[in-house]
Amino acid sequence: MSVIDEVIRANQEYARQHHLGHLSPRPRRRLAVLTCMDTRLSRATLGLAEGDAHILRNAGGIVTEDALRSLLISHYLLETEEFMVVNHTDCGLMQASEQEIRQRILSRTGSEAPPPASFHAFTDLDRNVRRQMEALRSHPWVPKEVAVRGFVYDVATGLLREVSV
């Protein structure tokens, strides 16, 4: 049985006891979190319950065009008032440069197909968090009254550390 088949079976069990249908698409705490797809980050990491926040995930917690689109929808259509950017220690994007990532893909696929414009590899966590906050704060459609704060999650200790501007 594949892992997807196991997930489908688990979902059928979950659906028998499903109790979240009453939740609104509007986050109770008016918070949107942009974070990494890393398995060590979860709602529990942030002390959030189901329905508390929008949680957007991508490799590195990067303000990509799609992440920005989702955050704008979160604010303008679903009434979030705060944006939280969370990166973490031991991030896979810190393990290789842009060129190394491209080369690894090319060597495994043998394909010269164009990769994404950027994989957004980085070496300095705080600098990367600041860069993402600046991308949000400087966008003309992100109102100045929307709080934008950034953090680094330490996977060894479980603690969040705020990154100063």
N, C-alpha and C. Protein backbone atom coordinates (compact mmCIF):
# COMPACT_ATOMS: atom_id res chain seq x y z
N MET A 1 0.85 -1.17 0.00
CA MET A 1 0.00 0.00 0.00
C MET A 1 0.90 1.24 0.00
N SER A 2 0.57 2.21 -0.83
CA SER A 2 1.35 3.43 -0.89
C SER A 2 0.99 4.35 0.28
N VAL A 3 1.83 5.33 0.52
CA VAL A 3 1.56 6.29 1.59
C VAL A 3 0.27 7.06 1.27
N ILE A 4 0.05 7.38 0.00
CA ILE A 4 -1.20 8.08 -0.37
C ILE A 4 -2.41 7.22 -0.03
N ASP A 5 -2.32 5.91 -0.31
CA ASP A 5 -3.42 5.02 0.05
C ASP A 5 -3.65 5.01 1.56
N GLU A 6 -2.57 5.03 2.33
CA GLU A 6 -2.69 5.09 3.79
C GLU A 6 -3.37 6.39 4.23
N VAL A 7 -3.03 7.50 3.56
CA VAL A 7 -3.64 8.79 3.88
C VAL A 7 -5.13 8.76 3.57
N ILE A 8 -5.51 8.17 2.44
CA ILE A 8 -6.92 8.07 2.07
C ILE A 8 -7.68 7.26 3.12
N ARG A 9 -7.09 6.16 3.54
CA ARG A 9 -7.73 5.32 4.56
C ARG A 9 -7.87 6.10 5.88
N ALA A 10 -6.82 6.83 6.27
CA ALA A 10 -6.88 7.63 7.50
C ALA A 10 -7.92 8.73 7.38
N ASN A 11 -8.06 9.31 6.19
CA ASN A 11 -9.06 10.36 5.99
C ASN A 11 -10.47 9.81 6.16
N GLN A 12 -10.69 8.61 5.69
CA GLN A 12 -12.02 8.01 5.85
C GLN A 12 -12.36 7.84 7.34
N GLU A 13 -11.38 7.46 8.13
CA GLU A 13 -11.58 7.35 9.57
C GLU A 13 -11.82 8.73 10.19
N TYR A 14 -11.02 9.72 9.77
CA TYR A 14 -11.18 11.09 10.26
C TYR A 14 -12.58 11.62 9.95
N ALA A 15 -13.05 11.38 8.73
CA ALA A 15 -14.35 11.92 8.30
C ALA A 15 -15.49 11.40 9.18
N ARG A 16 -15.34 10.21 9.74
CA ARG A 16 -16.39 9.66 10.62
C ARG A 16 -16.57 10.51 11.88
N GLN A 17 -15.50 11.23 12.28
CA GLN A 17 -15.55 12.02 13.50
C GLN A 17 -15.35 13.51 13.23
N HIS A 18 -15.43 13.89 11.96
CA HIS A 18 -15.18 15.28 11.55
C HIS A 18 -16.10 16.24 12.31
N HIS A 19 -15.48 17.29 12.88
CA HIS A 19 -16.25 18.25 13.68
C HIS A 19 -15.86 19.70 13.39
N LEU A 20 -15.16 19.95 12.29
CA LEU A 20 -14.68 21.31 12.03
C LEU A 20 -15.47 22.03 10.93
N GLY A 21 -16.54 21.43 10.46
CA GLY A 21 -17.32 22.03 9.38
C GLY A 21 -17.90 23.39 9.72
N HIS A 22 -17.99 23.71 10.98
CA HIS A 22 -18.57 24.99 11.42
C HIS A 22 -17.57 26.15 11.34
N LEU A 23 -16.28 25.84 11.18
CA LEU A 23 -15.27 26.91 11.17
C LEU A 23 -15.43 27.82 9.97
N SER A 24 -15.15 29.09 10.19
CA SER A 24 -15.18 30.09 9.13
C SER A 24 -13.86 30.07 8.36
N PRO A 25 -13.89 30.46 7.09
CA PRO A 25 -12.62 30.62 6.37
C PRO A 25 -11.82 31.83 6.87
N ARG A 26 -12.47 32.68 7.66
CA ARG A 26 -11.81 33.84 8.25
C ARG A 26 -11.12 33.40 9.55
N PRO A 27 -9.82 33.61 9.64
CA PRO A 27 -9.12 33.17 10.85
C PRO A 27 -9.60 33.91 12.10
N ARG A 28 -9.91 33.14 13.12
CA ARG A 28 -10.38 33.70 14.39
C ARG A 28 -9.44 34.76 14.93
N ARG A 29 -8.13 34.51 14.79
CA ARG A 29 -7.15 35.43 15.39
C ARG A 29 -6.63 36.47 14.39
N ARG A 30 -7.22 36.50 13.21
CA ARG A 30 -6.88 37.49 12.17
C ARG A 30 -5.39 37.51 11.86
N LEU A 31 -4.81 36.32 11.81
CA LEU A 31 -3.38 36.15 11.59
C LEU A 31 -3.14 35.30 10.34
N ALA A 32 -2.14 35.69 9.55
CA ALA A 32 -1.67 34.87 8.44
C ALA A 32 -0.18 34.62 8.68
N VAL A 33 0.22 33.37 8.57
CA VAL A 33 1.60 32.97 8.82
C VAL A 33 2.18 32.43 7.52
N LEU A 34 3.33 32.99 7.13
CA LEU A 34 4.09 32.45 6.00
C LEU A 34 5.29 31.74 6.57
N THR A 35 5.37 30.44 6.34
CA THR A 35 6.45 29.66 6.92
C THR A 35 6.94 28.62 5.93
N CYS A 36 7.93 27.88 6.35
CA CYS A 36 8.54 26.85 5.52
C CYS A 36 7.66 25.60 5.50
N MET A 37 7.90 24.76 4.52
CA MET A 37 7.17 23.50 4.43
C MET A 37 7.77 22.43 5.34
N ASP A 38 8.79 22.76 6.09
CA ASP A 38 9.49 21.82 6.96
C ASP A 38 8.51 21.07 7.87
N THR A 39 8.73 19.79 8.03
CA THR A 39 7.82 18.96 8.83
C THR A 39 7.87 19.28 10.31
N ARG A 40 8.90 19.98 10.76
CA ARG A 40 9.04 20.27 12.19
C ARG A 40 8.25 21.50 12.62
N LEU A 41 7.64 22.20 11.67
CA LEU A 41 6.82 23.37 11.97
C LEU A 41 5.35 23.00 11.84
N SER A 42 4.55 23.41 12.81
CA SER A 42 3.13 23.08 12.79
C SER A 42 2.34 24.16 13.52
N ARG A 43 1.03 24.02 13.49
CA ARG A 43 0.18 24.94 14.27
C ARG A 43 0.58 24.86 15.74
N ALA A 44 0.86 23.66 16.23
CA ALA A 44 1.22 23.47 17.64
C ALA A 44 2.50 24.24 17.97
N THR A 45 3.43 24.31 17.04
CA THR A 45 4.67 25.07 17.23
C THR A 45 4.35 26.51 17.62
N LEU A 46 3.29 27.04 17.05
CA LEU A 46 2.91 28.44 17.25
C LEU A 46 1.77 28.60 18.25
N GLY A 47 1.34 27.51 18.85
CA GLY A 47 0.25 27.59 19.83
C GLY A 47 -1.08 27.94 19.20
N LEU A 48 -1.28 27.52 17.95
CA LEU A 48 -2.51 27.85 17.24
C LEU A 48 -3.44 26.64 17.15
N ALA A 49 -4.73 26.89 17.23
CA ALA A 49 -5.73 25.85 17.06
C ALA A 49 -6.28 25.91 15.64
N GLU A 50 -7.02 24.87 15.26
CA GLU A 50 -7.71 24.89 13.97
C GLU A 50 -8.57 26.14 13.89
N GLY A 51 -8.51 26.83 12.77
CA GLY A 51 -9.34 28.01 12.57
C GLY A 51 -8.75 29.31 13.08
N ASP A 52 -7.60 29.25 13.75
CA ASP A 52 -6.99 30.47 14.30
C ASP A 52 -6.31 31.34 13.26
N ALA A 53 -5.68 30.74 12.25
CA ALA A 53 -4.84 31.49 11.33
C ALA A 53 -4.77 30.83 9.97
N HIS A 54 -4.46 31.63 8.97
CA HIS A 54 -4.08 31.07 7.67
C HIS A 54 -2.60 30.72 7.76
N ILE A 55 -2.24 29.52 7.36
CA ILE A 55 -0.84 29.12 7.37
C ILE A 55 -0.45 28.77 5.94
N LEU A 56 0.47 29.58 5.39
CA LEU A 56 0.97 29.38 4.03
C LEU A 56 2.36 28.79 4.14
N ARG A 57 2.64 27.76 3.33
CA ARG A 57 3.92 27.09 3.42
C ARG A 57 4.54 26.97 2.03
N ASN A 58 5.84 27.25 1.99
CA ASN A 58 6.63 26.93 0.80
C ASN A 58 8.07 26.73 1.25
N ALA A 59 8.89 26.21 0.39
CA ALA A 59 10.29 25.96 0.75
C ALA A 59 10.95 27.29 1.12
N GLY A 60 11.34 27.41 2.38
CA GLY A 60 12.03 28.60 2.85
C GLY A 60 11.17 29.70 3.42
N GLY A 61 9.84 29.59 3.34
CA GLY A 61 8.99 30.67 3.83
C GLY A 61 9.26 31.96 3.07
N ILE A 62 9.24 31.87 1.75
CA ILE A 62 9.62 32.97 0.87
C ILE A 62 8.39 33.71 0.36
N VAL A 63 8.48 35.03 0.29
CA VAL A 63 7.40 35.84 -0.27
C VAL A 63 7.50 35.75 -1.79
N THR A 64 6.97 34.65 -2.33
CA THR A 64 6.90 34.48 -3.77
C THR A 64 5.67 35.20 -4.29
N GLU A 65 5.51 35.23 -5.59
CA GLU A 65 4.32 35.85 -6.18
C GLU A 65 3.06 35.16 -5.66
N ASP A 66 3.09 33.84 -5.56
CA ASP A 66 1.90 33.13 -5.10
C ASP A 66 1.66 33.33 -3.61
N ALA A 67 2.72 33.36 -2.81
CA ALA A 67 2.55 33.62 -1.37
C ALA A 67 1.96 35.01 -1.17
N LEU A 68 2.45 36.00 -1.91
CA LEU A 68 1.92 37.36 -1.82
C LEU A 68 0.45 37.38 -2.22
N ARG A 69 0.11 36.69 -3.30
CA ARG A 69 -1.29 36.61 -3.74
C ARG A 69 -2.16 36.08 -2.61
N SER A 70 -1.72 35.01 -1.97
CA SER A 70 -2.50 34.42 -0.90
C SER A 70 -2.61 35.34 0.31
N LEU A 71 -1.53 36.02 0.65
CA LEU A 71 -1.57 36.96 1.78
C LEU A 71 -2.51 38.13 1.50
N LEU A 72 -2.51 38.62 0.27
CA LEU A 72 -3.42 39.71 -0.08
C LEU A 72 -4.88 39.26 0.01
N ILE A 73 -5.16 38.06 -0.46
CA ILE A 73 -6.52 37.52 -0.34
C ILE A 73 -6.88 37.33 1.14
N SER A 74 -5.92 36.85 1.92
CA SER A 74 -6.13 36.66 3.35
C SER A 74 -6.52 37.98 4.01
N HIS A 75 -5.84 39.05 3.63
CA HIS A 75 -6.13 40.36 4.24
C HIS A 75 -7.42 40.98 3.69
N TYR A 76 -7.49 41.13 2.37
CA TYR A 76 -8.59 41.89 1.78
C TYR A 76 -9.92 41.15 1.75
N LEU A 77 -9.89 39.83 1.62
CA LEU A 77 -11.15 39.08 1.55
C LEU A 77 -11.50 38.38 2.85
N LEU A 78 -10.47 38.03 3.64
CA LEU A 78 -10.73 37.21 4.81
C LEU A 78 -10.29 37.86 6.12
N GLU A 79 -9.97 39.16 6.04
CA GLU A 79 -9.85 40.05 7.19
C GLU A 79 -8.68 39.80 8.15
N THR A 80 -7.58 39.22 7.67
CA THR A 80 -6.43 39.12 8.56
C THR A 80 -5.80 40.49 8.72
N GLU A 81 -5.20 40.72 9.88
CA GLU A 81 -4.63 42.02 10.21
C GLU A 81 -3.14 41.96 10.54
N GLU A 82 -2.60 40.74 10.66
CA GLU A 82 -1.18 40.58 10.99
C GLU A 82 -0.59 39.49 10.10
N PHE A 83 0.65 39.73 9.65
CA PHE A 83 1.40 38.75 8.87
C PHE A 83 2.64 38.37 9.67
N MET A 84 2.85 37.09 9.81
CA MET A 84 3.99 36.55 10.54
C MET A 84 4.83 35.72 9.58
N VAL A 85 6.12 36.04 9.46
CA VAL A 85 7.05 35.28 8.62
C VAL A 85 7.91 34.43 9.55
N VAL A 86 7.96 33.12 9.31
CA VAL A 86 8.72 32.22 10.16
C VAL A 86 9.66 31.36 9.33
N ASN A 87 10.96 31.55 9.53
CA ASN A 87 11.99 30.66 8.98
C ASN A 87 12.48 29.78 10.12
N HIS A 88 13.39 28.87 9.86
CA HIS A 88 13.84 27.97 10.92
C HIS A 88 15.29 27.55 10.72
N THR A 89 15.90 27.14 11.83
CA THR A 89 17.26 26.63 11.77
C THR A 89 17.25 25.30 11.00
N ASP A 90 18.41 24.91 10.51
CA ASP A 90 18.57 23.64 9.78
C ASP A 90 17.65 23.56 8.57
N CYS A 91 17.48 24.66 7.86
CA CYS A 91 16.63 24.71 6.67
C CYS A 91 17.35 24.09 5.48
N GLY A 92 16.64 23.30 4.70
CA GLY A 92 17.22 22.68 3.52
C GLY A 92 17.73 23.68 2.50
N LEU A 93 17.11 24.86 2.41
CA LEU A 93 17.56 25.86 1.45
C LEU A 93 18.90 26.48 1.82
N MET A 94 19.37 26.19 3.03
CA MET A 94 20.69 26.68 3.45
C MET A 94 21.76 25.63 3.16
N GLN A 95 21.36 24.47 2.67
CA GLN A 95 22.28 23.36 2.45
C GLN A 95 22.98 23.39 1.10
N ALA A 96 22.46 24.20 0.17
CA ALA A 96 23.04 24.23 -1.18
C ALA A 96 22.78 25.58 -1.82
N SER A 97 23.65 25.97 -2.73
CA SER A 97 23.48 27.22 -3.47
C SER A 97 22.47 27.01 -4.60
N GLU A 98 22.05 28.11 -5.20
CA GLU A 98 21.16 28.05 -6.36
C GLU A 98 21.75 27.12 -7.42
N GLN A 99 23.02 27.31 -7.72
CA GLN A 99 23.67 26.51 -8.77
C GLN A 99 23.73 25.04 -8.38
N GLU A 100 24.01 24.75 -7.13
CA GLU A 100 24.06 23.35 -6.69
C GLU A 100 22.68 22.69 -6.79
N ILE A 101 21.64 23.41 -6.47
CA ILE A 101 20.29 22.86 -6.58
C ILE A 101 19.98 22.55 -8.04
N ARG A 102 20.25 23.51 -8.92
CA ARG A 102 20.01 23.31 -10.35
C ARG A 102 20.81 22.12 -10.87
N GLN A 103 22.08 22.02 -10.47
CA GLN A 103 22.94 20.93 -10.93
C GLN A 103 22.44 19.58 -10.44
N ARG A 104 21.98 19.54 -9.21
CA ARG A 104 21.46 18.28 -8.65
C ARG A 104 20.24 17.80 -9.44
N ILE A 105 19.37 18.72 -9.77
CA ILE A 105 18.18 18.36 -10.55
C ILE A 105 18.58 17.91 -11.94
N LEU A 106 19.47 18.65 -12.57
CA LEU A 106 19.93 18.31 -13.92
C LEU A 106 20.60 16.93 -13.94
N SER A 107 21.42 16.64 -12.94
CA SER A 107 22.12 15.36 -12.93
C SER A 107 21.17 14.18 -12.71
N ARG A 108 20.08 14.41 -12.01
CA ARG A 108 19.12 13.32 -11.77
C ARG A 108 18.11 13.17 -12.88
N THR A 109 17.78 14.27 -13.55
CA THR A 109 16.76 14.19 -14.61
C THR A 109 17.37 14.09 -16.00
N GLY A 110 18.59 14.61 -16.15
CA GLY A 110 19.20 14.67 -17.47
C GLY A 110 18.54 15.68 -18.37
N SER A 111 17.66 16.47 -17.82
CA SER A 111 16.86 17.41 -18.60
C SER A 111 17.42 18.82 -18.50
N GLU A 112 17.44 19.49 -19.61
CA GLU A 112 17.85 20.89 -19.66
C GLU A 112 16.64 21.82 -19.53
N ALA A 113 15.51 21.28 -19.14
CA ALA A 113 14.30 22.11 -19.00
C ALA A 113 14.59 23.25 -18.03
N PRO A 114 14.02 24.42 -18.31
CA PRO A 114 14.30 25.56 -17.44
C PRO A 114 13.73 25.35 -16.04
N PRO A 115 14.55 25.59 -15.01
CA PRO A 115 14.06 25.48 -13.63
C PRO A 115 13.23 26.71 -13.25
N PRO A 116 12.66 26.74 -12.08
CA PRO A 116 12.02 27.98 -11.63
C PRO A 116 13.03 29.12 -11.68
N ALA A 117 12.53 30.32 -11.76
CA ALA A 117 13.41 31.49 -11.85
C ALA A 117 14.42 31.50 -10.72
N SER A 118 13.99 31.09 -9.55
CA SER A 118 14.89 31.04 -8.40
C SER A 118 14.37 30.02 -7.40
N PHE A 119 15.28 29.30 -6.76
CA PHE A 119 14.90 28.41 -5.68
C PHE A 119 14.99 29.16 -4.34
N HIS A 120 15.55 30.36 -4.35
CA HIS A 120 15.65 31.23 -3.18
C HIS A 120 16.53 30.64 -2.08
N ALA A 121 17.63 30.00 -2.49
CA ALA A 121 18.59 29.50 -1.50
C ALA A 121 19.17 30.68 -0.74
N PHE A 122 19.55 30.45 0.52
CA PHE A 122 20.13 31.52 1.33
C PHE A 122 21.08 30.92 2.36
N THR A 123 21.90 31.77 2.96
CA THR A 123 22.86 31.29 3.96
C THR A 123 22.67 31.97 5.31
N ASP A 124 21.99 33.11 5.36
CA ASP A 124 21.83 33.87 6.59
C ASP A 124 20.34 33.95 6.94
N LEU A 125 19.94 33.25 8.00
CA LEU A 125 18.53 33.20 8.39
C LEU A 125 17.94 34.57 8.68
N ASP A 126 18.59 35.34 9.52
CA ASP A 126 18.04 36.65 9.88
C ASP A 126 17.90 37.54 8.65
N ARG A 127 18.90 37.52 7.81
CA ARG A 127 18.85 38.34 6.59
C ARG A 127 17.70 37.89 5.69
N ASN A 128 17.49 36.59 5.60
CA ASN A 128 16.39 36.10 4.78
C ASN A 128 15.04 36.52 5.35
N VAL A 129 14.87 36.42 6.66
CA VAL A 129 13.61 36.86 7.29
C VAL A 129 13.39 38.34 7.03
N ARG A 130 14.44 39.14 7.20
CA ARG A 130 14.32 40.59 6.94
C ARG A 130 13.93 40.85 5.49
N ARG A 131 14.51 40.10 4.58
CA ARG A 131 14.21 40.27 3.15
C ARG A 131 12.73 39.98 2.89
N GLN A 132 12.18 38.95 3.53
CA GLN A 132 10.77 38.62 3.32
C GLN A 132 9.86 39.68 3.94
N MET A 133 10.22 40.16 5.12
CA MET A 133 9.42 41.23 5.75
C MET A 133 9.44 42.47 4.87
N GLU A 134 10.59 42.82 4.35
CA GLU A 134 10.70 44.00 3.49
C GLU A 134 9.88 43.84 2.22
N ALA A 135 9.88 42.63 1.66
CA ALA A 135 9.07 42.39 0.45
C ALA A 135 7.59 42.65 0.74
N LEU A 136 7.15 42.30 1.93
CA LEU A 136 5.76 42.56 2.30
C LEU A 136 5.52 44.03 2.62
N ARG A 137 6.38 44.59 3.45
CA ARG A 137 6.18 45.98 3.87
C ARG A 137 6.27 46.97 2.71
N SER A 138 7.06 46.66 1.72
CA SER A 138 7.26 47.59 0.61
C SER A 138 6.24 47.41 -0.51
N HIS A 139 5.43 46.37 -0.44
CA HIS A 139 4.45 46.17 -1.51
C HIS A 139 3.32 47.18 -1.36
N PRO A 140 2.96 47.84 -2.46
CA PRO A 140 1.95 48.91 -2.36
C PRO A 140 0.56 48.42 -1.95
N TRP A 141 0.28 47.14 -2.06
CA TRP A 141 -1.04 46.64 -1.69
C TRP A 141 -1.09 46.10 -0.27
N VAL A 142 0.03 46.09 0.43
CA VAL A 142 0.03 45.68 1.83
C VAL A 142 -0.08 46.96 2.66
N PRO A 143 -1.23 47.20 3.27
CA PRO A 143 -1.41 48.44 4.02
C PRO A 143 -0.42 48.57 5.17
N LYS A 144 -0.02 49.79 5.45
CA LYS A 144 0.95 50.05 6.52
C LYS A 144 0.43 49.61 7.89
N GLU A 145 -0.89 49.57 8.06
CA GLU A 145 -1.43 49.17 9.36
C GLU A 145 -1.41 47.65 9.58
N VAL A 146 -1.10 46.88 8.54
CA VAL A 146 -0.95 45.43 8.72
C VAL A 146 0.40 45.18 9.38
N ALA A 147 0.37 44.57 10.55
CA ALA A 147 1.62 44.25 11.26
C ALA A 147 2.35 43.15 10.50
N VAL A 148 3.64 43.37 10.25
CA VAL A 148 4.49 42.36 9.60
C VAL A 148 5.67 42.12 10.52
N ARG A 149 5.76 40.91 11.06
CA ARG A 149 6.86 40.58 11.97
C ARG A 149 7.48 39.26 11.54
N GLY A 150 8.78 39.12 11.83
CA GLY A 150 9.51 37.94 11.39
C GLY A 150 10.20 37.22 12.52
N PHE A 151 10.35 35.91 12.36
CA PHE A 151 10.89 35.06 13.42
C PHE A 151 11.74 33.94 12.84
N VAL A 152 12.64 33.43 13.69
CA VAL A 152 13.37 32.21 13.39
C VAL A 152 12.96 31.19 14.45
N TYR A 153 12.54 30.03 13.99
CA TYR A 153 12.19 28.92 14.87
C TYR A 153 13.41 28.02 15.01
N ASP A 154 13.82 27.77 16.23
CA ASP A 154 14.97 26.90 16.49
C ASP A 154 14.44 25.47 16.62
N VAL A 155 14.79 24.61 15.66
CA VAL A 155 14.26 23.25 15.67
C VAL A 155 14.81 22.42 16.83
N ALA A 156 15.94 22.81 17.40
CA ALA A 156 16.53 22.07 18.52
C ALA A 156 15.85 22.39 19.84
N THR A 157 15.46 23.66 20.03
CA THR A 157 14.88 24.06 21.32
C THR A 157 13.37 24.24 21.26
N GLY A 158 12.82 24.43 20.06
CA GLY A 158 11.39 24.68 19.92
C GLY A 158 10.99 26.12 20.12
N LEU A 159 11.97 27.01 20.33
CA LEU A 159 11.67 28.42 20.61
C LEU A 159 11.69 29.28 19.36
N LEU A 160 10.82 30.28 19.36
CA LEU A 160 10.82 31.33 18.34
C LEU A 160 11.67 32.48 18.82
N ARG A 161 12.42 33.08 17.89
CA ARG A 161 13.20 34.28 18.20
C ARG A 161 12.80 35.33 17.17
N GLU A 162 12.39 36.51 17.67
CA GLU A 162 12.00 37.57 16.75
C GLU A 162 13.23 38.18 16.10
N VAL A 163 13.10 38.47 14.81
CA VAL A 163 14.17 39.11 14.05
C VAL A 163 13.87 40.59 13.98
N SER A 164 14.81 41.39 14.44
CA SER A 164 14.59 42.83 14.43
C SER A 164 14.77 43.38 13.02
N VAL A 165 14.10 44.48 12.78
CA VAL A 165 14.20 45.15 11.48
C VAL A 165 15.53 45.84 11.46
